[in-house]
Protein backbone atom coordinates (compact mmCIF):
# COMPACT_ATOMS: atom_id res chain seq x y z
CA MET A 1 0.00 0.00 0.00
CA LYS A 2 1.30 3.43 -0.94
CA ASN A 3 1.59 6.09 1.74
CA LYS A 4 0.08 8.79 -0.50
CA PHE A 5 -1.31 9.54 -3.93
CA GLU A 6 -1.35 12.68 -6.03
CA TYR A 7 -4.26 13.88 -8.13
CA THR A 8 -4.59 16.73 -10.61
CA LEU A 9 -8.02 18.33 -10.58
CA LYS A 10 -9.86 18.67 -13.87
CA ASP A 11 -11.61 21.73 -12.44
CA PRO A 12 -9.30 23.90 -10.28
CA ILE A 13 -10.20 25.29 -6.86
CA ASN A 14 -9.32 28.80 -5.69
CA VAL A 15 -7.30 28.61 -2.48
CA ALA A 16 -6.22 31.51 -0.25
CA ILE A 17 -2.42 31.30 -0.02
CA ASP A 18 -0.61 34.14 1.76
CA GLY A 19 -3.69 36.35 1.39
CA GLU A 20 -4.03 35.76 -2.36
CA GLN A 21 -6.58 33.61 -4.18
CA ILE A 22 -4.60 31.09 -6.22
CA GLU A 23 -6.11 28.64 -8.71
CA CYS A 24 -4.91 25.18 -7.59
CA PHE A 25 -4.98 21.87 -9.44
CA ASP A 26 -2.76 19.51 -7.44
CA ILE A 27 -3.95 17.48 -4.45
CA ILE A 28 -1.81 15.19 -2.32
CA VAL A 29 -3.65 12.67 -0.14
CA LYS A 30 -1.83 10.69 2.57
CA SER A 31 -2.81 7.22 3.68
CA PRO A 32 -5.21 7.15 6.61
CA ARG A 33 -3.89 7.27 10.17
CA PRO A 34 -4.88 4.66 12.77
CA LYS A 35 -7.23 7.20 14.34
CA ASP A 36 -9.08 7.44 10.99
CA ARG A 37 -10.07 3.75 11.10
CA GLU A 38 -13.75 4.38 11.92
CA GLN A 39 -14.24 6.69 8.92
CA CYS A 40 -12.32 4.24 6.72
CA LEU A 41 -14.49 1.31 7.82
CA ILE A 42 -17.67 3.29 7.18
CA LEU A 43 -16.39 4.40 3.77
CA GLU A 44 -15.35 0.83 2.95
CA SER A 45 -18.81 -0.42 3.93
CA TYR A 46 -20.56 2.06 1.64
CA ILE A 47 -18.25 1.31 -1.28
CA GLY A 48 -18.43 -2.44 -0.64
CA GLN A 49 -22.23 -2.28 -0.84
CA ALA A 50 -21.98 -0.46 -4.18
CA LEU A 51 -19.51 -3.05 -5.48
CA LEU A 52 -21.77 -5.93 -4.41
CA GLU A 53 -24.73 -4.39 -6.21
CA PHE A 54 -22.56 -3.76 -9.25
CA ALA A 55 -21.33 -7.37 -9.26
CA SER A 56 -24.91 -8.60 -9.43
CA THR A 57 -25.53 -6.74 -12.70
CA ASP A 58 -24.78 -7.76 -16.25
CA PHE A 59 -21.96 -5.17 -16.44
CA ILE A 60 -19.55 -7.42 -14.62
CA MET A 61 -20.36 -10.44 -16.79
CA LYS A 62 -19.61 -8.45 -19.96
CA ASN A 63 -16.23 -7.38 -18.58
CA LYS A 64 -15.37 -10.92 -17.47
CA ASN A 65 -16.12 -12.36 -20.91
CA GLU A 66 -14.04 -9.71 -22.66
CA GLY A 67 -11.14 -10.12 -20.22
CA SER A 68 -11.02 -13.93 -20.31
CA ASN A 69 -8.85 -13.89 -23.43
CA ASN A 70 -5.86 -12.48 -21.53
CA SER A 71 -2.80 -14.73 -21.46
CA LYS A 72 -0.13 -15.01 -18.76
CA LYS A 73 2.04 -11.90 -18.46
CA SER A 74 5.83 -11.74 -18.44
CA ASP A 75 7.91 -10.41 -15.55
CA ALA A 76 9.35 -7.68 -17.79
CA THR A 77 6.03 -5.84 -17.93
CA GLU A 78 5.12 -6.29 -14.25
CA ASP A 79 5.66 -2.62 -13.22
CA THR A 80 3.59 -1.33 -16.14
CA GLU A 81 0.88 -3.83 -15.34
CA ASP A 82 0.78 -2.77 -11.68
CA THR A 83 0.02 0.77 -12.85
CA GLU A 84 -2.57 -0.53 -15.31
CA ASP A 85 -4.08 -2.74 -12.59
CA ILE A 86 -4.57 0.21 -10.24
CA GLU A 87 -6.08 2.29 -13.05
CA ASP A 88 -8.47 -0.59 -13.91
CA LEU A 89 -9.36 -0.89 -10.23
CA ILE A 90 -10.03 2.86 -10.02
CA SER A 91 -12.18 2.76 -13.16
CA GLY A 92 -14.22 -0.16 -11.85
CA ARG A 93 -14.71 1.52 -8.46
CA LYS A 94 -15.85 4.75 -10.07
CA THR A 95 -18.42 2.93 -12.23
CA ALA A 96 -19.77 0.93 -9.29
CA ILE A 97 -20.01 3.96 -7.03
CA LEU A 98 -21.75 6.11 -9.63
CA TYR A 99 -24.23 3.54 -10.89
CA CYS A 100 -24.95 1.42 -7.83
CA SER A 101 -25.31 4.01 -5.11
CA ASP A 102 -28.45 5.63 -3.81
CA GLU A 103 -28.62 9.16 -2.40
CA LYS A 104 -28.00 8.04 1.19
CA ARG A 105 -24.92 6.01 0.20
CA ILE A 106 -23.47 8.85 -1.90
CA ARG A 107 -23.96 11.32 0.97
CA GLY A 108 -22.28 8.88 3.36
CA ILE A 109 -19.32 8.32 1.02
CA ILE A 110 -18.81 12.06 0.48
CA ASN A 111 -19.13 12.82 4.21
CA CYS A 112 -16.52 10.16 5.08
CA LEU A 113 -14.13 11.40 2.42
CA ARG A 114 -14.61 15.04 3.57
CA GLN A 115 -13.64 14.04 7.11
CA LEU A 116 -10.65 12.01 5.94
CA PHE A 117 -9.37 14.81 3.67
CA SER A 118 -9.73 17.51 6.35
CA ALA A 119 -8.14 15.41 9.12
CA GLY A 120 -4.81 16.34 10.63
CA ASN A 121 -3.49 19.80 11.39
CA ARG A 122 -1.59 22.53 9.54
CA GLU A 123 1.76 20.93 10.35
CA ASN A 124 0.70 17.41 9.39
CA PRO A 125 -2.39 17.46 7.15
CA GLN A 126 -3.92 14.33 5.66
CA ALA A 127 -4.56 16.11 2.36
CA THR A 128 -3.23 19.28 0.78
CA ILE A 129 -4.13 21.41 -2.20
CA GLY A 130 -1.55 23.84 -3.51
CA GLY A 131 0.52 22.99 -0.42
CA GLU A 132 -2.24 24.15 1.94
CA LYS A 133 -4.21 21.92 4.34
CA PHE A 134 -7.47 20.68 2.89
CA THR A 135 -10.46 22.01 4.82
CA SER A 136 -14.13 21.11 4.71
CA PRO A 137 -15.03 24.32 2.77
CA LEU A 138 -12.31 23.53 0.19
CA PHE A 139 -13.59 19.97 -0.08
CA ASP A 140 -17.05 21.35 -0.87
CA GLU A 141 -15.55 23.19 -3.87
CA ILE A 142 -14.48 19.94 -5.60
CA SER A 143 -16.38 19.42 -8.86
CA TYR A 144 -18.56 16.41 -9.62
CA ARG A 145 -16.01 15.10 -12.14
CA ASP A 146 -13.19 15.28 -9.62
CA ILE A 147 -15.06 13.95 -6.57
CA ALA A 148 -15.99 10.74 -8.39
CA ASP A 149 -12.33 10.18 -9.34
CA LEU A 150 -11.10 10.97 -5.82
CA ILE A 151 -13.55 8.55 -4.19
CA ALA A 152 -12.43 5.75 -6.51
CA ARG A 153 -8.72 6.57 -6.08
CA TYR A 154 -8.94 6.73 -2.29
CA SER A 155 -10.69 3.37 -2.24
CA ALA A 156 -8.24 1.72 -4.63
CA HIS A 157 -5.14 3.08 -2.88
CA PHE A 158 -6.01 2.89 0.82
CA LEU A 159 -8.97 0.65 1.62
CA SER A 160 -8.74 -3.12 1.97
CA LEU A 161 -11.20 -3.45 -0.92
CA GLY A 162 -8.31 -2.27 -3.08
CA LEU A 163 -5.87 -4.97 -1.96
CA LYS A 164 -5.27 -7.96 -4.20
């Protein structure tokens, strides 16, 4: 498991840095701390429910049939495939979350992620944007396109659902 991931926003957020409003694109998210376990378990439960619902649809069967033609992979391409595997995992998570979540589940997922992103303090934040600590008001500025990606990435990188 990585100890952080970086994400470039598709839609920038204006952040007050040294009294100036700066348009920021880059977010760094650290892995959750032990004290964040409750929020992580709740988030994992919500996402797990979405994945279970998704698995019971025809979408997953289509993907399995298309992917069954893959042959064994060589060791030389292992690093590239690890990157591709995480991107596939992120893509699958995003689809499941968007299409198999009701309003209550989406609100729960977003609330958990908001708390995880705004955890920590100025000296040791869990997430930063433009080098500044992520706060709840900044989190609320994230666009729809970016929040869906961030939910899927957080899940794939840090939650046990993302482990192989």
